[in-house]
Amino acid sequence: MVLDMPLLDTRRGKDLMGTFLSDIVLQVLSFVAENERTNIRQRQAEGIAAAKARGVKFGRPPIDPPEKFEKTVKLQEEKKIIIQEAVRRRGMSESTFYRKARMHRTVQK
């Protein structure tokens, strides 16, 4: 039952014509909603493309690794300190430490 559209009240008018009209109205509303969603996606994609063309950067800005990060990575890779000590020294989470260490190794190669 649709409260603001008595035409779509399926509790009454269960005859062939009532069901037919309800189905048609639902199909039209479904089409309009799907069409609007497609338009929204298209406008969003166009807006993103225009922003990128203007040089807008999306997402969080990258943060440089802390001081002596390379030294800490080397110590951790050589098993001279454990990962918990390394992240404590640099004040970051384990996942951030691993990600920055991986990026650091990639840059050095």
PDB file of N, CA and C in Angstrom:
ATOM      1  N   MET A   1       0.849  -1.183   0.000  1.00  0.00           N
ATOM      2  CA  MET A   1       0.000   0.000   0.000  1.00  0.00           C
ATOM      3  C   MET A   1       0.885   1.235   0.000  1.00  0.00           C
ATOM      4  N   VAL A   2       0.641   2.138  -0.909  1.00  0.00           N
ATOM      5  CA  VAL A   2       1.348   3.414  -0.975  1.00  0.00           C
ATOM      6  C   VAL A   2       0.400   4.464  -0.411  1.00  0.00           C
ATOM      7  N   LEU A   3       0.795   5.090   0.705  1.00  0.00           N
ATOM      8  CA  LEU A   3      -0.109   5.986   1.417  1.00  0.00           C
ATOM      9  C   LEU A   3      -0.526   7.203   0.603  1.00  0.00           C
ATOM     10  N   ASP A   4       0.406   7.804  -0.126  1.00  0.00           N
ATOM     11  CA  ASP A   4       0.061   9.027  -0.836  1.00  0.00           C
ATOM     12  C   ASP A   4      -0.395   8.781  -2.278  1.00  0.00           C
ATOM     13  N   MET A   5      -0.587   7.517  -2.645  1.00  0.00           N
ATOM     14  CA  MET A   5      -1.091   7.193  -3.983  1.00  0.00           C
ATOM     15  C   MET A   5      -2.159   6.114  -3.851  1.00  0.00           C
ATOM     16  N   PRO A   6      -3.397   6.513  -3.647  1.00  0.00           N
ATOM     17  CA  PRO A   6      -4.461   5.520  -3.476  1.00  0.00           C
ATOM     18  C   PRO A   6      -4.612   4.594  -4.674  1.00  0.00           C
ATOM     19  N   LEU A   7      -4.156   5.026  -5.831  1.00  0.00           N
ATOM     20  CA  LEU A   7      -4.235   4.186  -7.015  1.00  0.00           C
ATOM     21  C   LEU A   7      -3.417   2.911  -6.842  1.00  0.00           C
ATOM     22  N   LEU A   8      -2.377   2.970  -6.007  1.00  0.00           N
ATOM     23  CA  LEU A   8      -1.506   1.815  -5.802  1.00  0.00           C
ATOM     24  C   LEU A   8      -1.884   0.994  -4.576  1.00  0.00           C
ATOM     25  N   ASP A   9      -3.045   1.229  -4.024  1.00  0.00           N
ATOM     26  CA  ASP A   9      -3.503   0.445  -2.874  1.00  0.00           C
ATOM     27  C   ASP A   9      -3.919  -0.933  -3.373  1.00  0.00           C
ATOM     28  N   THR A  10      -3.096  -1.920  -3.116  1.00  0.00           N
ATOM     29  CA  THR A  10      -3.346  -3.264  -3.631  1.00  0.00           C
ATOM     30  C   THR A  10      -4.310  -4.051  -2.747  1.00  0.00           C
ATOM     31  N   ARG A  11      -4.750  -3.466  -1.636  1.00  0.00           N
ATOM     32  CA  ARG A  11      -5.697  -4.171  -0.768  1.00  0.00           C
ATOM     33  C   ARG A  11      -7.097  -4.176  -1.360  1.00  0.00           C
ATOM     34  N   ARG A  12      -7.380  -3.167  -2.146  1.00  0.00           N
ATOM     35  CA  ARG A  12      -8.695  -3.124  -2.776  1.00  0.00           C
ATOM     36  C   ARG A  12      -8.499  -3.090  -4.286  1.00  0.00           C
ATOM     37  N   GLY A  13      -9.479  -3.400  -5.003  1.00  0.00           N
ATOM     38  CA  GLY A  13      -9.384  -3.386  -6.460  1.00  0.00           C
ATOM     39  C   GLY A  13      -8.490  -4.503  -6.973  1.00  0.00           C
ATOM     40  N   LYS A  14      -8.676  -5.696  -6.437  1.00  0.00           N
ATOM     41  CA  LYS A  14      -7.847  -6.812  -6.863  1.00  0.00           C
ATOM     42  C   LYS A  14      -8.353  -7.430  -8.162  1.00  0.00           C
ATOM     43  N   ASP A  15      -9.244  -6.716  -8.801  1.00  0.00           N
ATOM     44  CA  ASP A  15      -9.720  -7.219 -10.086  1.00  0.00           C
ATOM     45  C   ASP A  15      -8.647  -6.991 -11.146  1.00  0.00           C
ATOM     46  N   LEU A  16      -8.886  -7.449 -12.309  1.00  0.00           N
ATOM     47  CA  LEU A  16      -7.895  -7.394 -13.387  1.00  0.00           C
ATOM     48  C   LEU A  16      -7.495  -5.962 -13.713  1.00  0.00           C
ATOM     49  N   MET A  17      -8.460  -5.046 -13.780  1.00  0.00           N
ATOM     50  CA  MET A  17      -8.165  -3.650 -14.132  1.00  0.00           C
ATOM     51  C   MET A  17      -7.360  -2.966 -13.031  1.00  0.00           C
ATOM     52  N   GLY A  18      -7.704  -3.191 -11.763  1.00  0.00           N
ATOM     53  CA  GLY A  18      -6.973  -2.578 -10.653  1.00  0.00           C
ATOM     54  C   GLY A  18      -5.524  -3.047 -10.607  1.00  0.00           C
ATOM     55  N   THR A  19      -5.332  -4.328 -10.791  1.00  0.00           N
ATOM     56  CA  THR A  19      -3.978  -4.878 -10.801  1.00  0.00           C
ATOM     57  C   THR A  19      -3.193  -4.338 -11.987  1.00  0.00           C
ATOM     58  N   PHE A  20      -3.826  -4.247 -13.129  1.00  0.00           N
ATOM     59  CA  PHE A  20      -3.176  -3.738 -14.331  1.00  0.00           C
ATOM     60  C   PHE A  20      -2.718  -2.299 -14.128  1.00  0.00           C
ATOM     61  N   LEU A  21      -3.598  -1.444 -13.579  1.00  0.00           N
ATOM     62  CA  LEU A  21      -3.248  -0.040 -13.350  1.00  0.00           C
ATOM     63  C   LEU A  21      -2.122   0.085 -12.327  1.00  0.00           C
ATOM     64  N   SER A  22      -2.189  -0.691 -11.277  1.00  0.00           N
ATOM     65  CA  SER A  22      -1.131  -0.651 -10.267  1.00  0.00           C
ATOM     66  C   SER A  22       0.208  -1.037 -10.881  1.00  0.00           C
ATOM     67  N   ASP A  23       0.207  -2.075 -11.694  1.00  0.00           N
ATOM     68  CA  ASP A  23       1.444  -2.519 -12.336  1.00  0.00           C
ATOM     69  C   ASP A  23       2.010  -1.450 -13.269  1.00  0.00           C
ATOM     70  N   ILE A  24       1.147  -0.805 -14.019  1.00  0.00           N
ATOM     71  CA  ILE A  24       1.607   0.240 -14.951  1.00  0.00           C
ATOM     72  C   ILE A  24       2.216   1.412 -14.186  1.00  0.00           C
ATOM     73  N   VAL A  25       1.529   1.863 -13.150  1.00  0.00           N
ATOM     74  CA  VAL A  25       2.039   2.996 -12.368  1.00  0.00           C
ATOM     75  C   VAL A  25       3.376   2.635 -11.725  1.00  0.00           C
ATOM     76  N   LEU A  26       3.491   1.441 -11.186  1.00  0.00           N
ATOM     77  CA  LEU A  26       4.756   1.022 -10.582  1.00  0.00           C
ATOM     78  C   LEU A  26       5.873   0.957 -11.616  1.00  0.00           C
ATOM     79  N   GLN A  27       5.569   0.476 -12.806  1.00  0.00           N
ATOM     80  CA  GLN A  27       6.575   0.422 -13.866  1.00  0.00           C
ATOM     81  C   GLN A  27       7.032   1.821 -14.265  1.00  0.00           C
ATOM     82  N   VAL A  28       6.094   2.750 -14.378  1.00  0.00           N
ATOM     83  CA  VAL A  28       6.454   4.131 -14.742  1.00  0.00           C
ATOM     84  C   VAL A  28       7.325   4.754 -13.652  1.00  0.00           C
ATOM     85  N   LEU A  29       6.933   4.575 -12.402  1.00  0.00           N
ATOM     86  CA  LEU A  29       7.728   5.126 -11.300  1.00  0.00           C
ATOM     87  C   LEU A  29       9.117   4.492 -11.251  1.00  0.00           C
ATOM     88  N   SER A  30       9.179   3.211 -11.505  1.00  0.00           N
ATOM     89  CA  SER A  30      10.459   2.525 -11.536  1.00  0.00           C
ATOM     90  C   SER A  30      11.351   3.066 -12.651  1.00  0.00           C
ATOM     91  N   PHE A  31      10.762   3.292 -13.818  1.00  0.00           N
ATOM     92  CA  PHE A  31      11.511   3.845 -14.943  1.00  0.00           C
ATOM     93  C   PHE A  31      12.040   5.235 -14.616  1.00  0.00           C
ATOM     94  N   VAL A  32      11.191   6.073 -14.038  1.00  0.00           N
ATOM     95  CA  VAL A  32      11.600   7.440 -13.701  1.00  0.00           C
ATOM     96  C   VAL A  32      12.738   7.413 -12.677  1.00  0.00           C
ATOM     97  N   ALA A  33      12.635   6.568 -11.673  1.00  0.00           N
ATOM     98  CA  ALA A  33      13.684   6.481 -10.654  1.00  0.00           C
ATOM     99  C   ALA A  33      14.995   5.991 -11.260  1.00  0.00           C
ATOM    100  N   GLU A  34      14.940   4.974 -12.093  1.00  0.00           N
ATOM    101  CA  GLU A  34      16.152   4.437 -12.727  1.00  0.00           C
ATOM    102  C   GLU A  34      16.774   5.469 -13.661  1.00  0.00           C
ATOM    103  N   ASN A  35      15.938   6.173 -14.410  1.00  0.00           N
ATOM    104  CA  ASN A  35      16.425   7.200 -15.321  1.00  0.00           C
ATOM    105  C   ASN A  35      17.116   8.325 -14.543  1.00  0.00           C
ATOM    106  N   GLU A  36      16.531   8.739 -13.444  1.00  0.00           N
ATOM    107  CA  GLU A  36      17.125   9.801 -12.627  1.00  0.00           C
ATOM    108  C   GLU A  36      18.459   9.343 -12.039  1.00  0.00           C
ATOM    109  N   ARG A  37      18.535   8.104 -11.597  1.00  0.00           N
ATOM    110  CA  ARG A  37      19.788   7.575 -11.043  1.00  0.00           C
ATOM    111  C   ARG A  37      20.879   7.556 -12.102  1.00  0.00           C
ATOM    112  N   THR A  38      20.520   7.187 -13.326  1.00  0.00           N
ATOM    113  CA  THR A  38      21.482   7.195 -14.434  1.00  0.00           C
ATOM    114  C   THR A  38      21.973   8.617 -14.709  1.00  0.00           C
ATOM    115  N   ASN A  39      21.048   9.571 -14.695  1.00  0.00           N
ATOM    116  CA  ASN A  39      21.437  10.972 -14.910  1.00  0.00           C
ATOM    117  C   ASN A  39      22.353  11.475 -13.802  1.00  0.00           C
ATOM    118  N   ILE A  40      22.065  11.094 -12.576  1.00  0.00           N
ATOM    119  CA  ILE A  40      22.910  11.516 -11.451  1.00  0.00           C
ATOM    120  C   ILE A  40      24.316  10.965 -11.619  1.00  0.00           C
ATOM    121  N   ARG A  41      24.437   9.693 -11.977  1.00  0.00           N
ATOM    122  CA  ARG A  41      25.763   9.090 -12.176  1.00  0.00           C
ATOM    123  C   ARG A  41      26.523   9.792 -13.295  1.00  0.00           C
ATOM    124  N   GLN A  42      25.821  10.113 -14.376  1.00  0.00           N
ATOM    125  CA  GLN A  42      26.468  10.782 -15.503  1.00  0.00           C
ATOM    126  C   GLN A  42      26.947  12.173 -15.092  1.00  0.00           C
ATOM    127  N   ARG A  43      26.102  12.938 -14.409  1.00  0.00           N
ATOM    128  CA  ARG A  43      26.502  14.275 -13.963  1.00  0.00           C
ATOM    129  C   ARG A  43      27.662  14.198 -12.982  1.00  0.00           C
ATOM    130  N   GLN A  44      27.640  13.199 -12.106  1.00  0.00           N
ATOM    131  CA  GLN A  44      28.734  13.029 -11.148  1.00  0.00           C
ATOM    132  C   GLN A  44      30.045  12.731 -11.877  1.00  0.00           C
ATOM    133  N   ALA A  45      30.008  11.829 -12.856  1.00  0.00           N
ATOM    134  CA  ALA A  45      31.212  11.497 -13.625  1.00  0.00           C
ATOM    135  C   ALA A  45      31.730  12.720 -14.376  1.00  0.00           C
ATOM    136  N   GLU A  46      30.830  13.505 -14.941  1.00  0.00           N
ATOM    137  CA  GLU A  46      31.242  14.723 -15.644  1.00  0.00           C
ATOM    138  C   GLU A  46      31.876  15.717 -14.686  1.00  0.00           C
ATOM    139  N   GLY A  47      31.310  15.854 -13.485  1.00  0.00           N
ATOM    140  CA  GLY A  47      31.871  16.764 -12.488  1.00  0.00           C
ATOM    141  C   GLY A  47      33.254  16.331 -12.039  1.00  0.00           C
ATOM    142  N   ILE A  48      33.440  15.034 -11.839  1.00  0.00           N
ATOM    143  CA  ILE A  48      34.748  14.513 -11.434  1.00  0.00           C
ATOM    144  C   ILE A  48      35.767  14.750 -12.541  1.00  0.00           C
ATOM    145  N   ALA A  49      35.374  14.480 -13.785  1.00  0.00           N
ATOM    146  CA  ALA A  49      36.287  14.692 -14.914  1.00  0.00           C
ATOM    147  C   ALA A  49      36.672  16.169 -15.035  1.00  0.00           C
ATOM    148  N   ALA A  50      35.706  17.052 -14.870  1.00  0.00           N
ATOM    149  CA  ALA A  50      35.991  18.486 -14.956  1.00  0.00           C
ATOM    150  C   ALA A  50      36.931  18.926 -13.824  1.00  0.00           C
ATOM    151  N   ALA A  51      36.705  18.402 -12.641  1.00  0.00           N
ATOM    152  CA  ALA A  51      37.573  18.758 -11.511  1.00  0.00           C
ATOM    153  C   ALA A  51      38.994  18.257 -11.742  1.00  0.00           C
ATOM    154  N   LYS A  52      39.124  17.031 -12.254  1.00  0.00           N
ATOM    155  CA  LYS A  52      40.460  16.495 -12.541  1.00  0.00           C
ATOM    156  C   LYS A  52      41.150  17.320 -13.624  1.00  0.00           C
ATOM    157  N   ALA A  53      40.380  17.784 -14.612  1.00  0.00           N
ATOM    158  CA  ALA A  53      40.960  18.621 -15.674  1.00  0.00           C
ATOM    159  C   ALA A  53      41.469  19.933 -15.105  1.00  0.00           C
ATOM    160  N   ARG A  54      40.824  20.425 -14.040  1.00  0.00           N
ATOM    161  CA  ARG A  54      41.284  21.657 -13.384  1.00  0.00           C
ATOM    162  C   ARG A  54      42.444  21.398 -12.435  1.00  0.00           C
ATOM    163  N   GLY A  55      42.786  20.128 -12.233  1.00  0.00           N
ATOM    164  CA  GLY A  55      43.924  19.801 -11.377  1.00  0.00           C
ATOM    165  C   GLY A  55      43.557  19.514  -9.933  1.00  0.00           C
ATOM    166  N   VAL A  56      42.282  19.310  -9.651  1.00  0.00           N
ATOM    167  CA  VAL A  56      41.849  19.007  -8.286  1.00  0.00           C
ATOM    168  C   VAL A  56      42.330  17.605  -7.914  1.00  0.00           C
ATOM    169  N   LYS A  57      42.916  17.478  -6.747  1.00  0.00           N
ATOM    170  CA  LYS A  57      43.375  16.187  -6.243  1.00  0.00           C
ATOM    171  C   LYS A  57      42.329  15.647  -5.277  1.00  0.00           C
ATOM    172  N   PHE A  58      41.961  14.380  -5.456  1.00  0.00           N
ATOM    173  CA  PHE A  58      40.975  13.746  -4.590  1.00  0.00           C
ATOM    174  C   PHE A  58      41.674  12.914  -3.533  1.00  0.00           C
ATOM    175  N   GLY A  59      41.014  12.719  -2.406  1.00  0.00           N
ATOM    176  CA  GLY A  59      41.561  11.888  -1.345  1.00  0.00           C
ATOM    177  C   GLY A  59      42.411  12.693  -0.370  1.00  0.00           C
ATOM    178  N   ARG A  60      42.903  11.995   0.611  1.00  0.00           N
ATOM    179  CA  ARG A  60      43.736  12.635   1.618  1.00  0.00           C
ATOM    180  C   ARG A  60      45.110  12.934   1.035  1.00  0.00           C
ATOM    181  N   PRO A  61      45.709  14.041   1.445  1.00  0.00           N
ATOM    182  CA  PRO A  61      47.056  14.328   0.955  1.00  0.00           C
ATOM    183  C   PRO A  61      48.056  13.358   1.577  1.00  0.00           C
ATOM    184  N   PRO A  62      49.072  12.955   0.813  1.00  0.00           N
ATOM    185  CA  PRO A  62      50.068  12.034   1.374  1.00  0.00           C
ATOM    186  C   PRO A  62      50.878  12.701   2.479  1.00  0.00           C
ATOM    187  N   ILE A  63      51.238  11.920   3.463  1.00  0.00           N
ATOM    188  CA  ILE A  63      52.028  12.413   4.582  1.00  0.00           C
ATOM    189  C   ILE A  63      53.421  11.819   4.456  1.00  0.00           C
ATOM    190  N   ASP A  64      54.410  12.675   4.558  1.00  0.00           N
ATOM    191  CA  ASP A  64      55.785  12.198   4.477  1.00  0.00           C
ATOM    192  C   ASP A  64      56.108  11.340   5.699  1.00  0.00           C
ATOM    193  N   PRO A  65      56.972  10.340   5.517  1.00  0.00           N
ATOM    194  CA  PRO A  65      57.353   9.512   6.668  1.00  0.00           C
ATOM    195  C   PRO A  65      58.094  10.344   7.705  1.00  0.00           C
ATOM    196  N   PRO A  66      58.018   9.955   8.966  1.00  0.00           N
ATOM    197  CA  PRO A  66      58.696  10.723  10.012  1.00  0.00           C
ATOM    198  C   PRO A  66      60.220  10.639   9.879  1.00  0.00           C
ATOM    199  N   GLU A  67      60.883  11.461  10.660  1.00  0.00           N
ATOM    200  CA  GLU A  67      62.353  11.466  10.659  1.00  0.00           C
ATOM    201  C   GLU A  67      62.887  10.083  11.021  1.00  0.00           C
ATOM    202  N   LYS A  68      64.007   9.752  10.450  1.00  0.00           N
ATOM    203  CA  LYS A  68      64.719   8.497  10.717  1.00  0.00           C
ATOM    204  C   LYS A  68      63.866   7.265  10.405  1.00  0.00           C
ATOM    205  N   PHE A  69      62.891   7.429   9.531  1.00  0.00           N
ATOM    206  CA  PHE A  69      62.015   6.313   9.187  1.00  0.00           C
ATOM    207  C   PHE A  69      62.806   5.203   8.503  1.00  0.00           C
ATOM    208  N   GLU A  70      63.683   5.586   7.577  1.00  0.00           N
ATOM    209  CA  GLU A  70      64.478   4.603   6.843  1.00  0.00           C
ATOM    210  C   GLU A  70      65.314   3.755   7.794  1.00  0.00           C
ATOM    211  N   LYS A  71      65.896   4.420   8.806  1.00  0.00           N
ATOM    212  CA  LYS A  71      66.722   3.710   9.786  1.00  0.00           C
ATOM    213  C   LYS A  71      65.872   2.701  10.564  1.00  0.00           C
ATOM    214  N   THR A  72      64.679   3.102  10.945  1.00  0.00           N
ATOM    215  CA  THR A  72      63.786   2.217  11.685  1.00  0.00           C
ATOM    216  C   THR A  72      63.370   1.032  10.822  1.00  0.00           C
ATOM    217  N   VAL A  73      63.085   1.274   9.554  1.00  0.00           N
ATOM    218  CA  VAL A  73      62.712   0.194   8.633  1.00  0.00           C
ATOM    219  C   VAL A  73      63.862  -0.799   8.518  1.00  0.00           C
ATOM    220  N   LYS A  74      65.066  -0.269   8.386  1.00  0.00           N
ATOM    221  CA  LYS A  74      66.234  -1.141   8.250  1.00  0.00           C
ATOM    222  C   LYS A  74      66.426  -1.985   9.510  1.00  0.00           C
ATOM    223  N   LEU A  75      66.286  -1.369  10.668  1.00  0.00           N
ATOM    224  CA  LEU A  75      66.421  -2.119  11.926  1.00  0.00           C
ATOM    225  C   LEU A  75      65.362  -3.213  12.032  1.00  0.00           C
ATOM    226  N   GLN A  76      64.145  -2.899  11.630  1.00  0.00           N
ATOM    227  CA  GLN A  76      63.067  -3.875  11.722  1.00  0.00           C
ATOM    228  C   GLN A  76      63.277  -5.000  10.714  1.00  0.00           C
ATOM    229  N   GLU A  77      63.719  -4.668   9.507  1.00  0.00           N
ATOM    230  CA  GLU A  77      63.969  -5.705   8.502  1.00  0.00           C
ATOM    231  C   GLU A  77      65.119  -6.623   8.900  1.00  0.00           C
ATOM    232  N   GLU A  78      66.104  -6.066   9.609  1.00  0.00           N
ATOM    233  CA  GLU A  78      67.243  -6.868  10.075  1.00  0.00           C
ATOM    234  C   GLU A  78      66.929  -7.599  11.376  1.00  0.00           C
ATOM    235  N   LYS A  79      65.687  -7.495  11.833  1.00  0.00           N
ATOM    236  CA  LYS A  79      65.215  -8.170  13.051  1.00  0.00           C
ATOM    237  C   LYS A  79      65.943  -7.708  14.306  1.00  0.00           C
ATOM    238  N   LYS A  80      66.441  -6.455  14.285  1.00  0.00           N
ATOM    239  CA  LYS A  80      67.095  -5.905  15.472  1.00  0.00           C
ATOM    240  C   LYS A  80      66.059  -5.312  16.429  1.00  0.00           C
ATOM    241  N   ILE A  81      64.904  -4.935  15.881  1.00  0.00           N
ATOM    242  CA  ILE A  81      63.782  -4.501  16.722  1.00  0.00           C
ATOM    243  C   ILE A  81      62.526  -5.180  16.186  1.00  0.00           C
ATOM    244  N   ILE A  82      61.535  -5.358  17.059  1.00  0.00           N
ATOM    245  CA  ILE A  82      60.276  -5.973  16.631  1.00  0.00           C
ATOM    246  C   ILE A  82      59.365  -4.880  16.070  1.00  0.00           C
ATOM    247  N   ILE A  83      58.355  -5.314  15.365  1.00  0.00           N
ATOM    248  CA  ILE A  83      57.468  -4.365  14.687  1.00  0.00           C
ATOM    249  C   ILE A  83      56.787  -3.416  15.675  1.00  0.00           C
ATOM    250  N   GLN A  84      56.420  -3.923  16.847  1.00  0.00           N
ATOM    251  CA  GLN A  84      55.760  -3.069  17.843  1.00  0.00           C
ATOM    252  C   GLN A  84      56.676  -1.926  18.290  1.00  0.00           C
ATOM    253  N   GLU A  85      57.952  -2.232  18.424  1.00  0.00           N
ATOM    254  CA  GLU A  85      58.924  -1.195  18.805  1.00  0.00           C
ATOM    255  C   GLU A  85      59.086  -0.187  17.667  1.00  0.00           C
ATOM    256  N   ALA A  86      59.115  -0.668  16.442  1.00  0.00           N
ATOM    257  CA  ALA A  86      59.275   0.214  15.287  1.00  0.00           C
ATOM    258  C   ALA A  86      58.103   1.189  15.176  1.00  0.00           C
ATOM    259  N   VAL A  87      56.881   0.684  15.315  1.00  0.00           N
ATOM    260  CA  VAL A  87      55.723   1.583  15.187  1.00  0.00           C
ATOM    261  C   VAL A  87      55.629   2.524  16.382  1.00  0.00           C
ATOM    262  N   ARG A  88      56.056   2.070  17.549  1.00  0.00           N
ATOM    263  CA  ARG A  88      56.069   2.962  18.718  1.00  0.00           C
ATOM    264  C   ARG A  88      57.057   4.099  18.509  1.00  0.00           C
ATOM    265  N   ARG A  89      58.240   3.772  17.989  1.00  0.00           N
ATOM    266  CA  ARG A  89      59.260   4.800  17.753  1.00  0.00           C
ATOM    267  C   ARG A  89      58.786   5.846  16.736  1.00  0.00           C
ATOM    268  N   ARG A  90      58.057   5.423  15.742  1.00  0.00           N
ATOM    269  CA  ARG A  90      57.650   6.340  14.667  1.00  0.00           C
ATOM    270  C   ARG A  90      56.246   6.885  14.851  1.00  0.00           C
ATOM    271  N   GLY A  91      55.527   6.386  15.858  1.00  0.00           N
ATOM    272  CA  GLY A  91      54.198   6.937  16.162  1.00  0.00           C
ATOM    273  C   GLY A  91      53.167   6.696  15.070  1.00  0.00           C
ATOM    274  N   MET A  92      53.120   5.477  14.549  1.00  0.00           N
ATOM    275  CA  MET A  92      52.144   5.141  13.510  1.00  0.00           C
ATOM    276  C   MET A  92      51.636   3.735  13.740  1.00  0.00           C
ATOM    277  N   SER A  93      50.571   3.389  13.033  1.00  0.00           N
ATOM    278  CA  SER A  93      50.019   2.044  13.159  1.00  0.00           C
ATOM    279  C   SER A  93      50.867   1.062  12.363  1.00  0.00           C
ATOM    280  N   GLU A  94      50.678  -0.227  12.651  1.00  0.00           N
ATOM    281  CA  GLU A  94      51.437  -1.257  11.932  1.00  0.00           C
ATOM    282  C   GLU A  94      51.144  -1.207  10.441  1.00  0.00           C
ATOM    283  N   SER A  95      49.863  -1.072  10.076  1.00  0.00           N
ATOM    284  CA  SER A  95      49.517  -1.070   8.650  1.00  0.00           C
ATOM    285  C   SER A  95      50.144   0.125   7.936  1.00  0.00           C
ATOM    286  N   THR A  96      50.154   1.282   8.588  1.00  0.00           N
ATOM    287  CA  THR A  96      50.787   2.456   7.989  1.00  0.00           C
ATOM    288  C   THR A  96      52.287   2.246   7.867  1.00  0.00           C
ATOM    289  N   PHE A  97      52.898   1.659   8.892  1.00  0.00           N
ATOM    290  CA  PHE A  97      54.339   1.404   8.864  1.00  0.00           C
ATOM    291  C   PHE A  97      54.683   0.473   7.695  1.00  0.00           C
ATOM    292  N   TYR A  98      53.930  -0.624   7.569  1.00  0.00           N
ATOM    293  CA  TYR A  98      54.196  -1.571   6.484  1.00  0.00           C
ATOM    294  C   TYR A  98      53.995  -0.913   5.116  1.00  0.00           C
ATOM    295  N   ARG A  99      52.930  -0.119   4.969  1.00  0.00           N
ATOM    296  CA  ARG A  99      52.658   0.533   3.693  1.00  0.00           C
ATOM    297  C   ARG A  99      53.772   1.517   3.339  1.00  0.00           C
ATOM    298  N   LYS A 100      54.188   2.338   4.300  1.00  0.00           N
ATOM    299  CA  LYS A 100      55.257   3.308   4.043  1.00  0.00           C
ATOM    300  C   LYS A 100      56.583   2.594   3.783  1.00  0.00           C
ATOM    301  N   ALA A 101      56.834   1.482   4.484  1.00  0.00           N
ATOM    302  CA  ALA A 101      58.068   0.726   4.267  1.00  0.00           C
ATOM    303  C   ALA A 101      58.080   0.134   2.857  1.00  0.00           C
ATOM    304  N   ARG A 102      56.921  -0.381   2.414  1.00  0.00           N
ATOM    305  CA  ARG A 102      56.825  -0.945   1.065  1.00  0.00           C
ATOM    306  C   ARG A 102      57.057   0.136   0.016  1.00  0.00           C
ATOM    307  N   MET A 103      56.474   1.312   0.218  1.00  0.00           N
ATOM    308  CA  MET A 103      56.671   2.421  -0.709  1.00  0.00           C
ATOM    309  C   MET A 103      58.136   2.856  -0.710  1.00  0.00           C
ATOM    310  N   HIS A 104      58.750   2.858   0.470  1.00  0.00           N
ATOM    311  CA  HIS A 104      60.154   3.245   0.595  1.00  0.00           C
ATOM    312  C   HIS A 104      61.054   2.278  -0.172  1.00  0.00           C
ATOM    313  N   ARG A 105      60.782   0.968  -0.057  1.00  0.00           N
ATOM    314  CA  ARG A 105      61.568  -0.033  -0.783  1.00  0.00           C
ATOM    315  C   ARG A 105      61.390   0.127  -2.289  1.00  0.00           C
ATOM    316  N   THR A 106      60.170   0.439  -2.733  1.00  0.00           N
ATOM    317  CA  THR A 106      59.887   0.613  -4.164  1.00  0.00           C
ATOM    318  C   THR A 106      60.650   1.807  -4.715  1.00  0.00           C
ATOM    319  N   VAL A 107      60.707   2.889  -3.953  1.00  0.00           N
ATOM    320  CA  VAL A 107      61.394   4.107  -4.396  1.00  0.00           C
ATOM    321  C   VAL A 107      62.898   3.848  -4.502  1.00  0.00           C
ATOM    322  N   GLN A 108      63.453   3.050  -3.586  1.00  0.00           N
ATOM    323  CA  GLN A 108      64.889   2.803  -3.585  1.00  0.00           C
ATOM    324  C   GLN A 108      65.344   1.915  -4.738  1.00  0.00           C
ATOM    325  N   LYS A 109      64.441   1.084  -5.274  1.00  0.00           N
ATOM    326  CA  LYS A 109      64.847   0.159  -6.344  1.00  0.00           C
ATOM    327  C   LYS A 109      65.056   0.838  -7.634  1.00  0.00           C
TER     328      LYS A 109
END
